[in-house]
Amino acid sequence: MRRRDFIALIGSTATLPLAASAQQTGAVWRIGFLTPRSLPSPPAHDTFSDAFIDGMSSLGYSEGKNLAIEWRYANGDYARLAGFANELVSMNLPVIVTYGTAAARVLQKTTTTIPIVVAAAVDLVGAGIVASLAQPGGNITGFSVIDVDISAKQLELLKSLSPNLSRVAVLLNPGNSANPLVLKHVESNAPALGVQVVAVNATTPQGIETAFADAAQQGATAVIVAADAFFSAQGSQIARSAAQHRLPTISLYKDHVLAGCLISYGQNVAEFHRRAAIYVDKILKGTKPQDLPVEQPTKFDMIINLKTAKQFDLVVPQSLLATADEVIE
């Protein structure tokens, strides 16, 4: 296997320093963090939150010393986001970090003054959360995931792994306003590959199992998982459902492939969370969100699970293995 250059970002305004002094001795910054993902087992955090903590540590911030984070995990229930957003906003924090389009939209409606750093969300411009990449305007900035554009590439990868693919299902979260754009993009690119598209929905872990069963009943022989904060933390459930219904599955998230899905292709969302710390640091030091351009990736990671491919009796082309960033054997 071969490792390509790690993700590169455009619009970057800063790099992590080798050493940093976050604040004067004795100062403690209190910030918020709102995520739709699940808290694995308190006081532990999930992979993305850990990446953010690592980023803050690299900049000289340490929880319990000069940093206090008000964590709010919605555990996949988007209906809880509004209540958590109100809680955080009422604390009058200097900055709130969030993940996902749904959470970013809720915070956008809740406050127009408190700076918001979006660690990752699908198409911040298209979703109307920021005015533009270069000049986000308002109180929100951060990192925009390109899921809509890469969904066509994900379909191509599935076709190359399963040449007889004629019908693919797209797993969507009805609570994510950006997911219909992904479906539309897949549908517009599918005819050229001789593939039909069906949509299946899920908002809970059990719903994921039902969605895969529905996909199989509709004749789909592979699944594309749309980028979604809830789905991102459901790698094990998605992998189990994919194996049970023998549906090769591709998503944005490396964790899904580690859990047993076939392939992932997309930007490194954990790295986005790590880089979000740079924006938080700048805001704490006086920079306004509208002066921090939204970043997007220009390179993408591809992870392939050969063990899963063998279980599905799929032969992975050598050309694909040669370009993969990581191969799980």
C-alpha atoms as a PDB file:
ATOM      1  CA  MET A   1       0.000   0.000   0.000  1.00  0.00           C
ATOM      2  CA  ARG A   2       1.088   3.564  -0.589  1.00  0.00           C
ATOM      3  CA  ARG A   3       0.464   6.715   1.395  1.00  0.00           C
ATOM      4  CA  ARG A   4      -0.335   9.836  -0.593  1.00  0.00           C
ATOM      5  CA  ASP A   5       0.287  13.343   0.544  1.00  0.00           C
ATOM      6  CA  PHE A   6      -1.927  14.185   3.491  1.00  0.00           C
ATOM      7  CA  ILE A   7      -4.910  16.449   3.028  1.00  0.00           C
ATOM      8  CA  ALA A   8      -4.108  19.944   1.775  1.00  0.00           C
ATOM      9  CA  LEU A   9      -6.401  22.855   2.365  1.00  0.00           C
ATOM     10  CA  ILE A  10      -7.076  26.046   0.449  1.00  0.00           C
ATOM     11  CA  GLY A  11      -7.788  29.340   2.046  1.00  0.00           C
ATOM     12  CA  SER A  12      -5.609  28.490   5.030  1.00  0.00           C
ATOM     13  CA  THR A  13      -4.657  31.462   7.106  1.00  0.00           C
ATOM     14  CA  ALA A  14      -2.432  29.803   9.681  1.00  0.00           C
ATOM     15  CA  THR A  15      -0.380  26.728  10.508  1.00  0.00           C
ATOM     16  CA  LEU A  16       0.134  25.043  13.824  1.00  0.00           C
ATOM     17  CA  PRO A  17       3.123  26.554  15.637  1.00  0.00           C
ATOM     18  CA  LEU A  18       5.846  24.438  17.155  1.00  0.00           C
ATOM     19  CA  ALA A  19       5.224  26.070  20.513  1.00  0.00           C
ATOM     20  CA  ALA A  20       2.623  28.447  21.758  1.00  0.00           C
ATOM     21  CA  SER A  21       1.558  30.261  24.882  1.00  0.00           C
ATOM     22  CA  ALA A  22      -2.219  30.363  24.876  1.00  0.00           C
ATOM     23  CA  GLN A  23      -2.904  32.923  27.546  1.00  0.00           C
ATOM     24  CA  GLN A  24      -1.319  34.729  30.410  1.00  0.00           C
ATOM     25  CA  THR A  25      -0.780  32.655  33.549  1.00  0.00           C
ATOM     26  CA  GLY A  26      -4.011  32.171  35.472  1.00  0.00           C
ATOM     27  CA  ALA A  27      -6.409  32.940  32.610  1.00  0.00           C
ATOM     28  CA  VAL A  28      -9.020  30.273  31.860  1.00  0.00           C
ATOM     29  CA  TRP A  29     -11.009  30.332  28.630  1.00  0.00           C
ATOM     30  CA  ARG A  30     -14.481  28.782  28.654  1.00  0.00           C
ATOM     31  CA  ILE A  31     -15.820  27.732  25.255  1.00  0.00           C
ATOM     32  CA  GLY A  32     -18.693  25.615  23.960  1.00  0.00           C
ATOM     33  CA  PHE A  33     -18.738  22.513  21.775  1.00  0.00           C
ATOM     34  CA  LEU A  34     -21.993  21.262  20.227  1.00  0.00           C
ATOM     35  CA  THR A  35     -21.985  17.988  18.297  1.00  0.00           C
ATOM     36  CA  PRO A  36     -24.746  15.629  17.086  1.00  0.00           C
ATOM     37  CA  ARG A  37     -22.424  12.674  17.708  1.00  0.00           C
ATOM     38  CA  SER A  38     -22.536  10.320  20.687  1.00  0.00           C
ATOM     39  CA  LEU A  39     -20.360  10.486  23.783  1.00  0.00           C
ATOM     40  CA  PRO A  40     -18.741   7.015  23.914  1.00  0.00           C
ATOM     41  CA  SER A  41     -18.249   6.731  27.702  1.00  0.00           C
ATOM     42  CA  PRO A  42     -17.771   9.811  29.894  1.00  0.00           C
ATOM     43  CA  PRO A  43     -15.288  11.334  30.462  1.00  0.00           C
ATOM     44  CA  ALA A  44     -13.894   9.963  27.190  1.00  0.00           C
ATOM     45  CA  HIS A  45     -14.649  11.790  23.927  1.00  0.00           C
ATOM     46  CA  ASP A  46     -15.200  10.621  20.366  1.00  0.00           C
ATOM     47  CA  THR A  47     -12.515  10.630  17.659  1.00  0.00           C
ATOM     48  CA  PHE A  48     -13.417  14.047  16.266  1.00  0.00           C
ATOM     49  CA  SER A  49     -13.617  15.754  19.656  1.00  0.00           C
ATOM     50  CA  ASP A  50     -10.283  14.221  20.620  1.00  0.00           C
ATOM     51  CA  ALA A  51      -8.767  15.696  17.477  1.00  0.00           C
ATOM     52  CA  PHE A  52     -10.047  19.144  18.485  1.00  0.00           C
ATOM     53  CA  ILE A  53      -8.589  18.712  21.976  1.00  0.00           C
ATOM     54  CA  ASP A  54      -5.253  17.734  20.405  1.00  0.00           C
ATOM     55  CA  GLY A  55      -5.356  20.857  18.252  1.00  0.00           C
ATOM     56  CA  MET A  56      -6.025  23.063  21.252  1.00  0.00           C
ATOM     57  CA  SER A  57      -3.208  21.350  23.166  1.00  0.00           C
ATOM     58  CA  SER A  58      -0.801  22.090  20.310  1.00  0.00           C
ATOM     59  CA  LEU A  59      -1.655  25.753  20.772  1.00  0.00           C
ATOM     60  CA  GLY A  60      -1.009  25.752  24.503  1.00  0.00           C
ATOM     61  CA  TYR A  61      -4.532  25.132  25.838  1.00  0.00           C
ATOM     62  CA  SER A  62      -5.198  22.395  28.390  1.00  0.00           C
ATOM     63  CA  GLU A  63      -8.566  21.364  29.813  1.00  0.00           C
ATOM     64  CA  GLY A  64      -8.595  21.777  33.571  1.00  0.00           C
ATOM     65  CA  LYS A  65      -5.826  24.371  33.463  1.00  0.00           C
ATOM     66  CA  ASN A  66      -6.401  27.273  31.097  1.00  0.00           C
ATOM     67  CA  LEU A  67      -9.327  25.819  29.138  1.00  0.00           C
ATOM     68  CA  ALA A  68     -12.843  24.762  30.119  1.00  0.00           C
ATOM     69  CA  ILE A  69     -15.099  23.246  27.436  1.00  0.00           C
ATOM     70  CA  GLU A  70     -18.865  23.033  27.790  1.00  0.00           C
ATOM     71  CA  TRP A  71     -19.516  19.785  25.909  1.00  0.00           C
ATOM     72  CA  ARG A  72     -22.944  19.062  24.473  1.00  0.00           C
ATOM     73  CA  TYR A  73     -23.430  15.687  22.729  1.00  0.00           C
ATOM     74  CA  ALA A  74     -26.838  15.134  21.096  1.00  0.00           C
ATOM     75  CA  ASN A  75     -26.232  11.362  20.780  1.00  0.00           C
ATOM     76  CA  GLY A  76     -27.583  11.351  17.235  1.00  0.00           C
ATOM     77  CA  ASP A  77     -30.863  13.038  18.184  1.00  0.00           C
ATOM     78  CA  TYR A  78     -31.080  16.204  16.093  1.00  0.00           C
ATOM     79  CA  ALA A  79     -34.140  17.317  18.060  1.00  0.00           C
ATOM     80  CA  ARG A  80     -31.861  17.973  21.057  1.00  0.00           C
ATOM     81  CA  LEU A  81     -29.647  20.442  19.189  1.00  0.00           C
ATOM     82  CA  ALA A  82     -31.879  23.491  19.701  1.00  0.00           C
ATOM     83  CA  GLY A  83     -32.025  23.034  23.476  1.00  0.00           C
ATOM     84  CA  PHE A  84     -28.265  22.579  23.708  1.00  0.00           C
ATOM     85  CA  ALA A  85     -27.671  25.582  21.467  1.00  0.00           C
ATOM     86  CA  ASN A  86     -29.840  27.743  23.733  1.00  0.00           C
ATOM     87  CA  GLU A  87     -27.908  26.526  26.779  1.00  0.00           C
ATOM     88  CA  LEU A  88     -24.546  27.391  25.266  1.00  0.00           C
ATOM     89  CA  VAL A  89     -25.655  30.760  23.932  1.00  0.00           C
ATOM     90  CA  SER A  90     -27.097  31.708  27.333  1.00  0.00           C
ATOM     91  CA  MET A  91     -23.621  31.222  28.843  1.00  0.00           C
ATOM     92  CA  ASN A  92     -22.317  34.128  26.735  1.00  0.00           C
ATOM     93  CA  LEU A  93     -19.225  32.160  25.733  1.00  0.00           C
ATOM     94  CA  PRO A  94     -16.501  33.798  23.615  1.00  0.00           C
ATOM     95  CA  VAL A  95     -16.777  31.068  20.949  1.00  0.00           C
ATOM     96  CA  ILE A  96     -18.753  27.899  20.224  1.00  0.00           C
ATOM     97  CA  VAL A  97     -17.428  25.028  18.092  1.00  0.00           C
ATOM     98  CA  THR A  98     -19.829  22.730  16.276  1.00  0.00           C
ATOM     99  CA  TYR A  99     -19.947  19.874  13.792  1.00  0.00           C
ATOM    100  CA  GLY A 100     -22.407  19.145  11.009  1.00  0.00           C
ATOM    101  CA  THR A 101     -24.828  21.121   8.885  1.00  0.00           C
ATOM    102  CA  ALA A 102     -27.811  20.580  11.187  1.00  0.00           C
ATOM    103  CA  ALA A 103     -25.993  21.854  14.282  1.00  0.00           C
ATOM    104  CA  ALA A 104     -24.534  24.803  12.375  1.00  0.00           C
ATOM    105  CA  ARG A 105     -28.018  25.786  11.170  1.00  0.00           C
ATOM    106  CA  VAL A 106     -29.412  25.619  14.698  1.00  0.00           C
ATOM    107  CA  LEU A 107     -26.659  27.848  16.064  1.00  0.00           C
ATOM    108  CA  GLN A 108     -27.122  30.223  13.134  1.00  0.00           C
ATOM    109  CA  LYS A 109     -30.748  30.668  14.203  1.00  0.00           C
ATOM    110  CA  THR A 110     -29.872  30.935  17.902  1.00  0.00           C
ATOM    111  CA  THR A 111     -27.210  33.649  17.846  1.00  0.00           C
ATOM    112  CA  THR A 112     -25.915  36.274  15.443  1.00  0.00           C
ATOM    113  CA  THR A 113     -23.270  37.625  17.807  1.00  0.00           C
ATOM    114  CA  ILE A 114     -21.347  34.778  19.455  1.00  0.00           C
ATOM    115  CA  PRO A 115     -18.542  33.545  17.147  1.00  0.00           C
ATOM    116  CA  ILE A 116     -19.197  30.053  15.766  1.00  0.00           C
ATOM    117  CA  VAL A 117     -16.475  27.792  14.353  1.00  0.00           C
ATOM    118  CA  VAL A 118     -17.862  24.922  12.269  1.00  0.00           C
ATOM    119  CA  ALA A 119     -15.333  22.093  12.486  1.00  0.00           C
ATOM    120  CA  ALA A 120     -16.902  20.427   9.438  1.00  0.00           C
ATOM    121  CA  ALA A 121     -20.200  20.664   7.564  1.00  0.00           C
ATOM    122  CA  VAL A 122     -21.379  19.959   4.038  1.00  0.00           C
ATOM    123  CA  ASP A 123     -21.289  22.956   1.691  1.00  0.00           C
ATOM    124  CA  LEU A 124     -21.482  25.879   4.127  1.00  0.00           C
ATOM    125  CA  VAL A 125     -22.107  28.279   1.241  1.00  0.00           C
ATOM    126  CA  GLY A 126     -24.798  26.199  -0.453  1.00  0.00           C
ATOM    127  CA  ALA A 127     -26.502  25.628   2.892  1.00  0.00           C
ATOM    128  CA  GLY A 128     -26.696  29.390   3.421  1.00  0.00           C
ATOM    129  CA  ILE A 129     -24.622  29.294   6.600  1.00  0.00           C
ATOM    130  CA  VAL A 130     -21.896  31.593   5.242  1.00  0.00           C
ATOM    131  CA  ALA A 131     -22.008  34.164   2.453  1.00  0.00           C
ATOM    132  CA  SER A 132     -18.868  32.940   0.663  1.00  0.00           C
ATOM    133  CA  LEU A 133     -15.668  31.024   1.301  1.00  0.00           C
ATOM    134  CA  ALA A 134     -13.426  34.068   1.151  1.00  0.00           C
ATOM    135  CA  GLN A 135     -15.768  36.363   3.073  1.00  0.00           C
ATOM    136  CA  PRO A 136     -18.070  34.293   5.273  1.00  0.00           C
ATOM    137  CA  GLY A 137     -19.669  37.376   6.851  1.00  0.00           C
ATOM    138  CA  GLY A 138     -21.641  37.306  10.075  1.00  0.00           C
ATOM    139  CA  ASN A 139     -20.488  35.335  13.099  1.00  0.00           C
ATOM    140  CA  ILE A 140     -19.805  31.929  11.506  1.00  0.00           C
ATOM    141  CA  THR A 141     -16.723  30.486   9.811  1.00  0.00           C
ATOM    142  CA  GLY A 142     -14.968  27.136   9.678  1.00  0.00           C
ATOM    143  CA  PHE A 143     -14.437  24.157   7.405  1.00  0.00           C
ATOM    144  CA  SER A 144     -16.663  23.037   4.541  1.00  0.00           C
ATOM    145  CA  VAL A 145     -16.878  19.371   3.527  1.00  0.00           C
ATOM    146  CA  ILE A 146     -17.221  18.702  -0.201  1.00  0.00           C
ATOM    147  CA  ASP A 147     -19.601  15.749  -0.066  1.00  0.00           C
ATOM    148  CA  VAL A 148     -21.845  16.788  -2.950  1.00  0.00           C
ATOM    149  CA  ASP A 149     -19.016  16.928  -5.480  1.00  0.00           C
ATOM    150  CA  ILE A 150     -17.254  13.751  -4.318  1.00  0.00           C
ATOM    151  CA  SER A 151     -20.428  11.644  -4.370  1.00  0.00           C
ATOM    152  CA  ALA A 152     -19.973  11.155  -8.132  1.00  0.00           C
ATOM    153  CA  LYS A 153     -16.443   9.883  -7.521  1.00  0.00           C
ATOM    154  CA  GLN A 154     -17.756   7.553  -4.813  1.00  0.00           C
ATOM    155  CA  LEU A 155     -20.215   6.113  -7.333  1.00  0.00           C
ATOM    156  CA  GLU A 156     -17.389   5.601  -9.850  1.00  0.00           C
ATOM    157  CA  LEU A 157     -15.330   3.773  -7.217  1.00  0.00           C
ATOM    158  CA  LEU A 158     -18.204   1.436  -6.412  1.00  0.00           C
ATOM    159  CA  LYS A 159     -18.655   0.728 -10.113  1.00  0.00           C
ATOM    160  CA  SER A 160     -14.958  -0.068 -10.529  1.00  0.00           C
ATOM    161  CA  LEU A 161     -15.120  -2.479  -7.574  1.00  0.00           C
ATOM    162  CA  SER A 162     -18.396  -4.012  -8.712  1.00  0.00           C
ATOM    163  CA  PRO A 163     -18.566  -3.774 -12.531  1.00  0.00           C
ATOM    164  CA  ASN A 164     -22.035  -5.367 -12.638  1.00  0.00           C
ATOM    165  CA  LEU A 165     -23.484  -2.669 -10.383  1.00  0.00           C
ATOM    166  CA  SER A 166     -26.804  -1.541 -11.853  1.00  0.00           C
ATOM    167  CA  ARG A 167     -28.651  -0.119  -8.853  1.00  0.00           C
ATOM    168  CA  VAL A 168     -27.190   1.778  -5.902  1.00  0.00           C
ATOM    169  CA  ALA A 169     -28.855   3.047  -2.747  1.00  0.00           C
ATOM    170  CA  VAL A 170     -27.986   6.363  -1.126  1.00  0.00           C
ATOM    171  CA  LEU A 171     -28.377   6.413   2.660  1.00  0.00           C
ATOM    172  CA  LEU A 172     -29.742   9.801   3.763  1.00  0.00           C
ATOM    173  CA  ASN A 173     -30.639  11.481   7.042  1.00  0.00           C
ATOM    174  CA  PRO A 174     -33.954  13.372   6.570  1.00  0.00           C
ATOM    175  CA  GLY A 175     -32.837  15.791   9.287  1.00  0.00           C
ATOM    176  CA  ASN A 176     -29.831  16.912   7.242  1.00  0.00           C
ATOM    177  CA  SER A 177     -30.790  19.641   4.781  1.00  0.00           C
ATOM    178  CA  ALA A 178     -27.630  19.037   2.737  1.00  0.00           C
ATOM    179  CA  ASN A 179     -28.342  15.351   2.020  1.00  0.00           C
ATOM    180  CA  PRO A 180     -30.871  15.965  -0.804  1.00  0.00           C
ATOM    181  CA  LEU A 181     -28.084  17.726  -2.724  1.00  0.00           C
ATOM    182  CA  VAL A 182     -25.975  14.568  -2.463  1.00  0.00           C
ATOM    183  CA  LEU A 183     -28.828  12.432  -3.776  1.00  0.00           C
ATOM    184  CA  LYS A 184     -29.433  14.812  -6.668  1.00  0.00           C
ATOM    185  CA  HIS A 185     -25.742  14.754  -7.607  1.00  0.00           C
ATOM    186  CA  VAL A 186     -25.582  10.956  -7.568  1.00  0.00           C
ATOM    187  CA  GLU A 187     -28.759  10.753  -9.652  1.00  0.00           C
ATOM    188  CA  SER A 188     -27.364  13.151 -12.252  1.00  0.00           C
ATOM    189  CA  ASN A 189     -24.151  11.124 -12.663  1.00  0.00           C
ATOM    190  CA  ALA A 190     -25.616   7.615 -12.458  1.00  0.00           C
ATOM    191  CA  PRO A 191     -27.027   7.268 -16.033  1.00  0.00           C
ATOM    192  CA  ALA A 192     -23.600   7.628 -17.598  1.00  0.00           C
ATOM    193  CA  LEU A 193     -22.486   4.573 -15.608  1.00  0.00           C
ATOM    194  CA  GLY A 194     -25.646   2.613 -16.352  1.00  0.00           C
ATOM    195  CA  VAL A 195     -26.748   2.768 -12.733  1.00  0.00           C
ATOM    196  CA  GLN A 196     -30.157   3.474 -11.208  1.00  0.00           C
ATOM    197  CA  VAL A 197     -30.459   5.191  -7.823  1.00  0.00           C
ATOM    198  CA  VAL A 198     -32.799   4.598  -4.889  1.00  0.00           C
ATOM    199  CA  ALA A 199     -32.946   6.608  -1.670  1.00  0.00           C
ATOM    200  CA  VAL A 200     -33.226   5.125   1.816  1.00  0.00           C
ATOM    201  CA  ASN A 201     -33.506   7.074   5.062  1.00  0.00           C
ATOM    202  CA  ALA A 202     -32.374   6.619   8.657  1.00  0.00           C
ATOM    203  CA  THR A 203     -32.258   8.729  11.804  1.00  0.00           C
ATOM    204  CA  THR A 204     -31.496   6.022  14.391  1.00  0.00           C
ATOM    205  CA  PRO A 205     -29.191   2.974  14.621  1.00  0.00           C
ATOM    206  CA  GLN A 206     -32.181   0.662  14.148  1.00  0.00           C
ATOM    207  CA  GLY A 207     -33.259   2.847  11.255  1.00  0.00           C
ATOM    208  CA  ILE A 208     -29.927   2.138   9.572  1.00  0.00           C
ATOM    209  CA  GLU A 209     -30.627  -1.605   9.666  1.00  0.00           C
ATOM    210  CA  THR A 210     -34.099  -1.001   8.255  1.00  0.00           C
ATOM    211  CA  ALA A 211     -32.677   1.249   5.523  1.00  0.00           C
ATOM    212  CA  PHE A 212     -30.203  -1.419   4.373  1.00  0.00           C
ATOM    213  CA  ALA A 213     -32.969  -4.014   4.332  1.00  0.00           C
ATOM    214  CA  ASP A 214     -35.065  -1.595   2.269  1.00  0.00           C
ATOM    215  CA  ALA A 215     -32.146  -1.023  -0.113  1.00  0.00           C
ATOM    216  CA  ALA A 216     -31.762  -4.773  -0.669  1.00  0.00           C
ATOM    217  CA  GLN A 217     -35.507  -5.207  -1.220  1.00  0.00           C
ATOM    218  CA  GLN A 218     -35.401  -2.483  -3.876  1.00  0.00           C
ATOM    219  CA  GLY A 219     -32.687  -4.364  -5.736  1.00  0.00           C
ATOM    220  CA  ALA A 220     -29.704  -2.208  -4.787  1.00  0.00           C
ATOM    221  CA  THR A 221     -26.388  -4.042  -4.718  1.00  0.00           C
ATOM    222  CA  ALA A 222     -24.275  -1.280  -3.125  1.00  0.00           C
ATOM    223  CA  VAL A 223     -24.738   1.729  -0.830  1.00  0.00           C
ATOM    224  CA  ILE A 224     -23.373   5.274  -0.714  1.00  0.00           C
ATOM    225  CA  VAL A 225     -23.561   6.841   2.749  1.00  0.00           C
ATOM    226  CA  ALA A 226     -24.162  10.589   2.556  1.00  0.00           C
ATOM    227  CA  ALA A 227     -22.021  12.776   4.796  1.00  0.00           C
ATOM    228  CA  ASP A 228     -23.859  13.329   8.046  1.00  0.00           C
ATOM    229  CA  ALA A 229     -22.770  13.905  11.636  1.00  0.00           C
ATOM    230  CA  PHE A 230     -25.035  11.126  12.929  1.00  0.00           C
ATOM    231  CA  PHE A 231     -23.884   8.629  10.302  1.00  0.00           C
ATOM    232  CA  SER A 232     -20.234   9.492  10.981  1.00  0.00           C
ATOM    233  CA  ALA A 233     -20.478   7.861  14.428  1.00  0.00           C
ATOM    234  CA  GLN A 234     -22.395   4.782  13.220  1.00  0.00           C
ATOM    235  CA  GLY A 235     -19.571   2.911  11.492  1.00  0.00           C
ATOM    236  CA  SER A 236     -20.128  -0.358  13.364  1.00  0.00           C
ATOM    237  CA  GLN A 237     -23.888  -0.356  12.746  1.00  0.00           C
ATOM    238  CA  ILE A 238     -23.443   0.508   9.072  1.00  0.00           C
ATOM    239  CA  ALA A 239     -20.776  -2.175   8.622  1.00  0.00           C
ATOM    240  CA  ARG A 240     -22.970  -4.816  10.302  1.00  0.00           C
ATOM    241  CA  SER A 241     -25.955  -3.915   8.148  1.00  0.00           C
ATOM    242  CA  ALA A 242     -23.816  -3.901   5.006  1.00  0.00           C
ATOM    243  CA  ALA A 243     -22.448  -7.362   5.806  1.00  0.00           C
ATOM    244  CA  GLN A 244     -25.868  -8.774   6.717  1.00  0.00           C
ATOM    245  CA  HIS A 245     -27.412  -7.666   3.438  1.00  0.00           C
ATOM    246  CA  ARG A 246     -24.235  -8.120   1.379  1.00  0.00           C
ATOM    247  CA  LEU A 247     -24.177  -4.522   0.197  1.00  0.00           C
ATOM    248  CA  PRO A 248     -20.689  -3.096  -0.482  1.00  0.00           C
ATOM    249  CA  THR A 249     -20.670   0.353   1.092  1.00  0.00           C
ATOM    250  CA  ILE A 250     -18.711   3.545   0.565  1.00  0.00           C
ATOM    251  CA  SER A 251     -18.705   6.638   2.752  1.00  0.00           C
ATOM    252  CA  LEU A 252     -16.645   9.672   3.634  1.00  0.00           C
ATOM    253  CA  TYR A 253     -15.372   8.245   6.918  1.00  0.00           C
ATOM    254  CA  LYS A 254     -12.262   6.168   7.577  1.00  0.00           C
ATOM    255  CA  ASP A 255     -13.825   4.883  10.812  1.00  0.00           C
ATOM    256  CA  HIS A 256     -16.471   3.122   8.737  1.00  0.00           C
ATOM    257  CA  VAL A 257     -13.827   1.148   6.840  1.00  0.00           C
ATOM    258  CA  LEU A 258     -12.026   0.287  10.074  1.00  0.00           C
ATOM    259  CA  ALA A 259     -15.369  -1.049  11.322  1.00  0.00           C
ATOM    260  CA  GLY A 260     -15.759  -3.272   8.244  1.00  0.00           C
ATOM    261  CA  CYS A 261     -17.222  -1.207   5.402  1.00  0.00           C
ATOM    262  CA  LEU A 262     -15.635  -1.654   1.981  1.00  0.00           C
ATOM    263  CA  ILE A 263     -14.187   1.749   1.143  1.00  0.00           C
ATOM    264  CA  SER A 264     -14.070   5.396   2.140  1.00  0.00           C
ATOM    265  CA  TYR A 265     -13.270   8.367  -0.028  1.00  0.00           C
ATOM    266  CA  GLY A 266     -13.230  11.954   1.124  1.00  0.00           C
ATOM    267  CA  GLN A 267     -11.632  14.568   3.311  1.00  0.00           C
ATOM    268  CA  ASN A 268     -10.212  13.827   6.744  1.00  0.00           C
ATOM    269  CA  VAL A 269     -12.909  15.134   9.101  1.00  0.00           C
ATOM    270  CA  ALA A 270     -10.821  14.509  12.222  1.00  0.00           C
ATOM    271  CA  GLU A 271      -8.100  16.722  10.773  1.00  0.00           C
ATOM    272  CA  PHE A 272     -10.699  19.441  10.193  1.00  0.00           C
ATOM    273  CA  HIS A 273     -11.564  19.288  13.897  1.00  0.00           C
ATOM    274  CA  ARG A 274      -7.884  19.575  14.765  1.00  0.00           C
ATOM    275  CA  ARG A 275      -7.511  22.612  12.540  1.00  0.00           C
ATOM    276  CA  ALA A 276     -10.646  24.189  14.004  1.00  0.00           C
ATOM    277  CA  ALA A 277      -8.523  24.854  17.086  1.00  0.00           C
ATOM    278  CA  ILE A 278      -6.505  27.355  15.033  1.00  0.00           C
ATOM    279  CA  TYR A 279      -9.631  29.397  14.376  1.00  0.00           C
ATOM    280  CA  VAL A 280     -10.724  29.189  18.006  1.00  0.00           C
ATOM    281  CA  ASP A 281      -7.310  30.435  19.127  1.00  0.00           C
ATOM    282  CA  LYS A 282      -7.448  33.347  16.700  1.00  0.00           C
ATOM    283  CA  ILE A 283     -10.954  34.328  17.812  1.00  0.00           C
ATOM    284  CA  LEU A 284      -9.961  34.174  21.487  1.00  0.00           C
ATOM    285  CA  LYS A 285      -7.112  36.520  20.639  1.00  0.00           C
ATOM    286  CA  GLY A 286      -9.410  39.027  18.949  1.00  0.00           C
ATOM    287  CA  THR A 287      -9.874  37.999  15.315  1.00  0.00           C
ATOM    288  CA  LYS A 288     -13.456  38.256  14.060  1.00  0.00           C
ATOM    289  CA  PRO A 289     -15.085  35.208  12.387  1.00  0.00           C
ATOM    290  CA  GLN A 290     -15.836  37.183   9.211  1.00  0.00           C
ATOM    291  CA  ASP A 291     -12.085  37.738   8.794  1.00  0.00           C
ATOM    292  CA  LEU A 292     -11.335  33.996   8.762  1.00  0.00           C
ATOM    293  CA  PRO A 293     -12.016  32.463   5.309  1.00  0.00           C
ATOM    294  CA  VAL A 294     -13.804  29.125   5.168  1.00  0.00           C
ATOM    295  CA  GLU A 295     -11.419  26.302   4.277  1.00  0.00           C
ATOM    296  CA  GLN A 296     -12.077  23.438   1.873  1.00  0.00           C
ATOM    297  CA  PRO A 297      -9.931  20.408   1.019  1.00  0.00           C
ATOM    298  CA  THR A 298      -8.175  19.935  -2.287  1.00  0.00           C
ATOM    299  CA  LYS A 299      -7.046  16.343  -1.664  1.00  0.00           C
ATOM    300  CA  PHE A 300      -8.948  13.350  -0.431  1.00  0.00           C
ATOM    301  CA  ASP A 301      -8.105  10.104   1.329  1.00  0.00           C
ATOM    302  CA  MET A 302      -9.108   6.673   0.040  1.00  0.00           C
ATOM    303  CA  ILE A 303      -9.131   3.686   2.400  1.00  0.00           C
ATOM    304  CA  ILE A 304      -9.930   0.160   1.191  1.00  0.00           C
ATOM    305  CA  ASN A 305     -10.775  -2.869   3.323  1.00  0.00           C
ATOM    306  CA  LEU A 306      -9.475  -5.915   1.450  1.00  0.00           C
ATOM    307  CA  LYS A 307     -10.921  -8.296   4.041  1.00  0.00           C
ATOM    308  CA  THR A 308     -14.376  -6.926   3.322  1.00  0.00           C
ATOM    309  CA  ALA A 309     -13.787  -7.102  -0.429  1.00  0.00           C
ATOM    310  CA  LYS A 310     -12.989 -10.805  -0.092  1.00  0.00           C
ATOM    311  CA  GLN A 311     -16.145 -11.367   1.948  1.00  0.00           C
ATOM    312  CA  PHE A 312     -18.131  -9.831  -0.912  1.00  0.00           C
ATOM    313  CA  ASP A 313     -16.146 -11.834  -3.520  1.00  0.00           C
ATOM    314  CA  LEU A 314     -14.913  -8.593  -5.072  1.00  0.00           C
ATOM    315  CA  VAL A 315     -11.558  -8.211  -6.805  1.00  0.00           C
ATOM    316  CA  VAL A 316      -9.966  -4.830  -6.139  1.00  0.00           C
ATOM    317  CA  PRO A 317      -8.096  -3.598  -9.243  1.00  0.00           C
ATOM    318  CA  GLN A 318      -4.365  -3.117  -8.727  1.00  0.00           C
ATOM    319  CA  SER A 319      -4.685   0.388 -10.122  1.00  0.00           C
ATOM    320  CA  LEU A 320      -7.029   1.241  -7.236  1.00  0.00           C
ATOM    321  CA  LEU A 321      -4.787  -0.369  -4.626  1.00  0.00           C
ATOM    322  CA  ALA A 322      -1.848   1.623  -5.958  1.00  0.00           C
ATOM    323  CA  THR A 323      -3.624   4.920  -5.401  1.00  0.00           C
ATOM    324  CA  ALA A 324      -5.149   4.099  -2.001  1.00  0.00           C
ATOM    325  CA  ASP A 325      -3.884   5.963   1.029  1.00  0.00           C
ATOM    326  CA  GLU A 326      -4.389   2.913   3.198  1.00  0.00           C
ATOM    327  CA  VAL A 327      -5.291  -0.716   2.615  1.00  0.00           C
ATOM    328  CA  ILE A 328      -6.665  -2.875   5.429  1.00  0.00           C
ATOM    329  CA  GLU A 329      -5.670  -6.511   4.945  1.00  0.00           C
END
